[in-house]
């Protein structure tokens, strides 16, 4: 009987301790955005953290918000480096001879691509006439003569199709 009381007491004291790591974990995750670092600082293994995330929807939501906060910090630092720059010392023969401010054009472009992808993205959209879809045809079953007829039509500026090429001969 005393044994079951001890087990219940131990379980009651372990449960609050088991949940105590979450507050520290989320604080570190919010600052760093790195699950491994948050686990180390909170004293919990990664498997337990991911299991808690899977089993507790509220904790999973807090986790996602902490990651968003960490990404916001990264974005703020990128803006600072792009616009305010970073101070760099210039050394010559082991002695600091100058201090310069360096700005990051690369970070500025990444920020623009993220904020205005329709203007600054690298990918290009290829469309057909009037922005419509590109028309394709399966030409694996046509003869060399038909392909030559299509190519000749393209060179002349007319759009010969395999169907027209077959009837034109």
C-alpha atoms as a PDB file:
ATOM      1  CA  UNK A   1       0.000   0.000   0.000  1.00  0.00           C
ATOM      2  CA  UNK A   2       2.797   2.402   0.887  1.00  0.00           C
ATOM      3  CA  UNK A   3       4.417   1.490  -2.383  1.00  0.00           C
ATOM      4  CA  UNK A   4       1.431   2.664  -4.481  1.00  0.00           C
ATOM      5  CA  UNK A   5       1.292   5.955  -2.528  1.00  0.00           C
ATOM      6  CA  UNK A   6       4.974   6.523  -3.244  1.00  0.00           C
ATOM      7  CA  UNK A   7       4.416   5.780  -6.933  1.00  0.00           C
ATOM      8  CA  UNK A   8       1.507   8.245  -7.139  1.00  0.00           C
ATOM      9  CA  UNK A   9       3.528  10.908  -5.300  1.00  0.00           C
ATOM     10  CA  UNK A  10       6.521  10.344  -7.592  1.00  0.00           C
ATOM     11  CA  UNK A  11       4.290  10.550 -10.649  1.00  0.00           C
ATOM     12  CA  UNK A  12       2.709  13.808  -9.437  1.00  0.00           C
ATOM     13  CA  UNK A  13       6.127  15.370  -8.855  1.00  0.00           C
ATOM     14  CA  UNK A  14       7.512  14.141 -12.208  1.00  0.00           C
ATOM     15  CA  UNK A  15       4.655  15.545 -14.302  1.00  0.00           C
ATOM     16  CA  UNK A  16       5.278  19.210 -13.403  1.00  0.00           C
ATOM     17  CA  UNK A  17       9.026  18.677 -13.919  1.00  0.00           C
ATOM     18  CA  UNK A  18       8.351  17.065 -17.275  1.00  0.00           C
ATOM     19  CA  UNK A  19       6.386  20.137 -18.354  1.00  0.00           C
ATOM     20  CA  UNK A  20       8.904  22.623 -16.922  1.00  0.00           C
ATOM     21  CA  UNK A  21      11.325  22.029 -19.810  1.00  0.00           C
ATOM     22  CA  UNK A  22       8.787  23.341 -22.310  1.00  0.00           C
ATOM     23  CA  UNK A  23       9.009  26.955 -21.145  1.00  0.00           C
ATOM     24  CA  UNK A  24      12.816  26.999 -21.443  1.00  0.00           C
ATOM     25  CA  UNK A  25      12.678  25.057 -24.715  1.00  0.00           C
ATOM     26  CA  UNK A  26      10.270  27.564 -26.281  1.00  0.00           C
ATOM     27  CA  UNK A  27      12.310  30.540 -25.035  1.00  0.00           C
ATOM     28  CA  UNK A  28      15.504  29.209 -26.635  1.00  0.00           C
ATOM     29  CA  UNK A  29      13.668  28.152 -29.786  1.00  0.00           C
ATOM     30  CA  UNK A  30      12.243  31.682 -30.046  1.00  0.00           C
ATOM     31  CA  UNK A  31      15.760  33.175 -29.777  1.00  0.00           C
ATOM     32  CA  UNK A  32      17.715  30.716 -31.923  1.00  0.00           C
ATOM     33  CA  UNK A  33      15.240  28.791 -34.073  1.00  0.00           C
ATOM     34  CA  UNK A  34      17.271  25.597 -33.633  1.00  0.00           C
ATOM     35  CA  UNK A  35      15.518  22.602 -32.080  1.00  0.00           C
ATOM     36  CA  UNK A  36      18.765  20.888 -31.045  1.00  0.00           C
ATOM     37  CA  UNK A  37      19.960  23.983 -29.164  1.00  0.00           C
ATOM     38  CA  UNK A  38      16.565  24.420 -27.496  1.00  0.00           C
ATOM     39  CA  UNK A  39      16.572  20.768 -26.379  1.00  0.00           C
ATOM     40  CA  UNK A  40      20.094  21.043 -24.946  1.00  0.00           C
ATOM     41  CA  UNK A  41      19.257  24.217 -23.026  1.00  0.00           C
ATOM     42  CA  UNK A  42      15.988  22.759 -21.729  1.00  0.00           C
ATOM     43  CA  UNK A  43      17.572  19.457 -20.752  1.00  0.00           C
ATOM     44  CA  UNK A  44      15.284  17.303 -22.888  1.00  0.00           C
ATOM     45  CA  UNK A  45      16.132  14.923 -25.701  1.00  0.00           C
ATOM     46  CA  UNK A  46      14.895  15.671 -29.204  1.00  0.00           C
ATOM     47  CA  UNK A  47      12.682  12.597 -29.404  1.00  0.00           C
ATOM     48  CA  UNK A  48      10.811  13.662 -26.270  1.00  0.00           C
ATOM     49  CA  UNK A  49      10.394  17.195 -27.620  1.00  0.00           C
ATOM     50  CA  UNK A  50       9.022  15.974 -30.935  1.00  0.00           C
ATOM     51  CA  UNK A  51       6.770  13.487 -29.163  1.00  0.00           C
ATOM     52  CA  UNK A  52       5.368  16.292 -26.983  1.00  0.00           C
ATOM     53  CA  UNK A  53       4.805  18.362 -30.113  1.00  0.00           C
ATOM     54  CA  UNK A  54       2.914  15.510 -31.748  1.00  0.00           C
ATOM     55  CA  UNK A  55       0.786  14.763 -28.688  1.00  0.00           C
ATOM     56  CA  UNK A  56      -0.036  18.330 -27.593  1.00  0.00           C
ATOM     57  CA  UNK A  57      -1.632  20.630 -30.187  1.00  0.00           C
ATOM     58  CA  UNK A  58      -1.231  23.722 -27.990  1.00  0.00           C
ATOM     59  CA  UNK A  59       2.485  23.016 -27.552  1.00  0.00           C
ATOM     60  CA  UNK A  60       2.831  22.434 -31.316  1.00  0.00           C
ATOM     61  CA  UNK A  61       1.235  25.828 -31.949  1.00  0.00           C
ATOM     62  CA  UNK A  62       3.594  27.509 -29.462  1.00  0.00           C
ATOM     63  CA  UNK A  63       6.516  25.742 -31.173  1.00  0.00           C
ATOM     64  CA  UNK A  64       5.430  27.095 -34.585  1.00  0.00           C
ATOM     65  CA  UNK A  65       5.056  30.606 -33.178  1.00  0.00           C
ATOM     66  CA  UNK A  66       8.514  30.387 -31.592  1.00  0.00           C
ATOM     67  CA  UNK A  67      10.004  29.436 -34.969  1.00  0.00           C
ATOM     68  CA  UNK A  68       8.183  32.381 -36.587  1.00  0.00           C
ATOM     69  CA  UNK A  69       9.673  34.695 -33.945  1.00  0.00           C
ATOM     70  CA  UNK A  70      13.153  33.307 -34.650  1.00  0.00           C
ATOM     71  CA  UNK A  71      12.695  33.885 -38.381  1.00  0.00           C
ATOM     72  CA  UNK A  72      11.569  37.449 -37.648  1.00  0.00           C
ATOM     73  CA  UNK A  73      14.827  37.989 -35.733  1.00  0.00           C
ATOM     74  CA  UNK A  74      16.819  36.635 -38.682  1.00  0.00           C
ATOM     75  CA  UNK A  75      14.967  38.925 -41.051  1.00  0.00           C
ATOM     76  CA  UNK A  76      15.603  41.935 -38.807  1.00  0.00           C
ATOM     77  CA  UNK A  77      19.316  41.109 -38.733  1.00  0.00           C
ATOM     78  CA  UNK A  78      19.378  40.743 -42.517  1.00  0.00           C
ATOM     79  CA  UNK A  79      17.753  44.176 -42.860  1.00  0.00           C
ATOM     80  CA  UNK A  80      20.273  45.664 -40.442  1.00  0.00           C
ATOM     81  CA  UNK A  81      23.248  44.218 -42.324  1.00  0.00           C
ATOM     82  CA  UNK A  82      21.828  45.240 -45.703  1.00  0.00           C
ATOM     83  CA  UNK A  83      20.989  48.817 -44.741  1.00  0.00           C
ATOM     84  CA  UNK A  84      23.115  49.750 -41.719  1.00  0.00           C
ATOM     85  CA  UNK A  85      26.013  47.501 -42.645  1.00  0.00           C
ATOM     86  CA  UNK A  86      28.643  45.985 -40.403  1.00  0.00           C
ATOM     87  CA  UNK A  87      31.833  47.560 -39.196  1.00  0.00           C
ATOM     88  CA  UNK A  88      35.018  45.894 -40.408  1.00  0.00           C
ATOM     89  CA  UNK A  89      38.532  46.709 -39.299  1.00  0.00           C
ATOM     90  CA  UNK A  90      41.253  46.879 -41.937  1.00  0.00           C
ATOM     91  CA  UNK A  91      44.637  45.561 -40.835  1.00  0.00           C
ATOM     92  CA  UNK A  92      48.065  46.078 -42.360  1.00  0.00           C
ATOM     93  CA  UNK A  93      51.167  44.436 -40.943  1.00  0.00           C
ATOM     94  CA  UNK A  94      49.171  43.409 -37.888  1.00  0.00           C
ATOM     95  CA  UNK A  95      47.964  46.926 -37.108  1.00  0.00           C
ATOM     96  CA  UNK A  96      44.449  48.307 -37.546  1.00  0.00           C
ATOM     97  CA  UNK A  97      44.762  51.128 -40.058  1.00  0.00           C
ATOM     98  CA  UNK A  98      41.130  51.822 -40.861  1.00  0.00           C
ATOM     99  CA  UNK A  99      37.533  50.978 -40.020  1.00  0.00           C
ATOM    100  CA  UNK A 100      35.016  50.663 -42.849  1.00  0.00           C
ATOM    101  CA  UNK A 101      31.290  50.082 -43.029  1.00  0.00           C
ATOM    102  CA  UNK A 102      30.285  47.214 -45.329  1.00  0.00           C
ATOM    103  CA  UNK A 103      26.782  46.716 -46.672  1.00  0.00           C
ATOM    104  CA  UNK A 104      25.374  43.507 -48.074  1.00  0.00           C
ATOM    105  CA  UNK A 105      23.909  43.838 -51.552  1.00  0.00           C
ATOM    106  CA  UNK A 106      23.297  40.070 -51.512  1.00  0.00           C
ATOM    107  CA  UNK A 107      21.100  40.339 -48.400  1.00  0.00           C
ATOM    108  CA  UNK A 108      19.295  43.300 -49.911  1.00  0.00           C
ATOM    109  CA  UNK A 109      18.473  41.278 -53.046  1.00  0.00           C
ATOM    110  CA  UNK A 110      17.290  38.318 -50.956  1.00  0.00           C
ATOM    111  CA  UNK A 111      15.021  40.610 -48.956  1.00  0.00           C
ATOM    112  CA  UNK A 112      13.608  42.121 -52.140  1.00  0.00           C
ATOM    113  CA  UNK A 113      13.029  38.679 -53.653  1.00  0.00           C
ATOM    114  CA  UNK A 114      11.192  37.630 -50.515  1.00  0.00           C
ATOM    115  CA  UNK A 115       9.075  40.763 -50.243  1.00  0.00           C
ATOM    116  CA  UNK A 116       8.464  41.429 -53.932  1.00  0.00           C
ATOM    117  CA  UNK A 117       8.829  38.101 -55.732  1.00  0.00           C
ATOM    118  CA  UNK A 118       6.723  39.253 -58.687  1.00  0.00           C
ATOM    119  CA  UNK A 119       9.413  41.842 -59.483  1.00  0.00           C
ATOM    120  CA  UNK A 120      12.678  40.371 -58.174  1.00  0.00           C
ATOM    121  CA  UNK A 121      12.361  36.582 -58.472  1.00  0.00           C
ATOM    122  CA  UNK A 122      14.862  34.605 -60.522  1.00  0.00           C
ATOM    123  CA  UNK A 123      12.400  32.252 -62.181  1.00  0.00           C
ATOM    124  CA  UNK A 124      10.638  33.208 -65.385  1.00  0.00           C
ATOM    125  CA  UNK A 125       7.151  32.204 -66.389  1.00  0.00           C
ATOM    126  CA  UNK A 126       6.831  30.994 -69.977  1.00  0.00           C
ATOM    127  CA  UNK A 127       3.389  31.296 -71.526  1.00  0.00           C
ATOM    128  CA  UNK A 128       1.755  30.967 -74.905  1.00  0.00           C
ATOM    129  CA  UNK A 129      -0.034  33.692 -76.883  1.00  0.00           C
ATOM    130  CA  UNK A 130      -1.794  36.318 -74.738  1.00  0.00           C
ATOM    131  CA  UNK A 131      -0.435  34.717 -71.552  1.00  0.00           C
ATOM    132  CA  UNK A 132      -2.269  31.467 -72.184  1.00  0.00           C
ATOM    133  CA  UNK A 133      -0.914  27.959 -71.968  1.00  0.00           C
ATOM    134  CA  UNK A 134       1.742  26.709 -74.354  1.00  0.00           C
ATOM    135  CA  UNK A 135       0.282  24.342 -76.925  1.00  0.00           C
ATOM    136  CA  UNK A 136       2.126  21.051 -77.253  1.00  0.00           C
ATOM    137  CA  UNK A 137       1.670  18.108 -79.581  1.00  0.00           C
ATOM    138  CA  UNK A 138       2.964  14.572 -79.568  1.00  0.00           C
ATOM    139  CA  UNK A 139       5.107  14.323 -82.699  1.00  0.00           C
ATOM    140  CA  UNK A 140       6.656  10.934 -82.016  1.00  0.00           C
ATOM    141  CA  UNK A 141       4.464   9.224 -84.624  1.00  0.00           C
ATOM    142  CA  UNK A 142       5.014  11.557 -87.582  1.00  0.00           C
ATOM    143  CA  UNK A 143       7.498  11.104 -90.421  1.00  0.00           C
ATOM    144  CA  UNK A 144      10.609  13.093 -91.149  1.00  0.00           C
ATOM    145  CA  UNK A 145       8.845  14.667 -94.149  1.00  0.00           C
ATOM    146  CA  UNK A 146       6.030  15.900 -91.902  1.00  0.00           C
ATOM    147  CA  UNK A 147       8.523  17.315 -89.399  1.00  0.00           C
ATOM    148  CA  UNK A 148      10.350  19.088 -92.240  1.00  0.00           C
ATOM    149  CA  UNK A 149       7.036  20.565 -93.427  1.00  0.00           C
ATOM    150  CA  UNK A 150       6.328  21.861 -89.895  1.00  0.00           C
ATOM    151  CA  UNK A 151       9.813  23.350 -89.645  1.00  0.00           C
ATOM    152  CA  UNK A 152       9.430  25.010 -93.069  1.00  0.00           C
ATOM    153  CA  UNK A 153       6.134  26.522 -91.972  1.00  0.00           C
ATOM    154  CA  UNK A 154       7.782  27.913 -88.832  1.00  0.00           C
ATOM    155  CA  UNK A 155      10.560  29.460 -90.917  1.00  0.00           C
ATOM    156  CA  UNK A 156       7.944  31.140 -93.161  1.00  0.00           C
ATOM    157  CA  UNK A 157       5.970  32.360 -90.142  1.00  0.00           C
ATOM    158  CA  UNK A 158       3.006  30.055 -90.605  1.00  0.00           C
ATOM    159  CA  UNK A 159       2.034  27.556 -87.961  1.00  0.00           C
ATOM    160  CA  UNK A 160       1.964  24.218 -89.751  1.00  0.00           C
ATOM    161  CA  UNK A 161       0.577  21.431 -87.617  1.00  0.00           C
ATOM    162  CA  UNK A 162       1.137  17.703 -87.996  1.00  0.00           C
ATOM    163  CA  UNK A 163      -2.464  17.321 -89.205  1.00  0.00           C
ATOM    164  CA  UNK A 164      -1.967  19.954 -91.925  1.00  0.00           C
ATOM    165  CA  UNK A 165       1.423  18.527 -92.822  1.00  0.00           C
ATOM    166  CA  UNK A 166      -0.125  15.113 -93.394  1.00  0.00           C
ATOM    167  CA  UNK A 167      -2.816  16.499 -95.717  1.00  0.00           C
ATOM    168  CA  UNK A 168      -0.495  18.878 -97.538  1.00  0.00           C
ATOM    169  CA  UNK A 169       1.617  16.097 -99.158  1.00  0.00           C
END
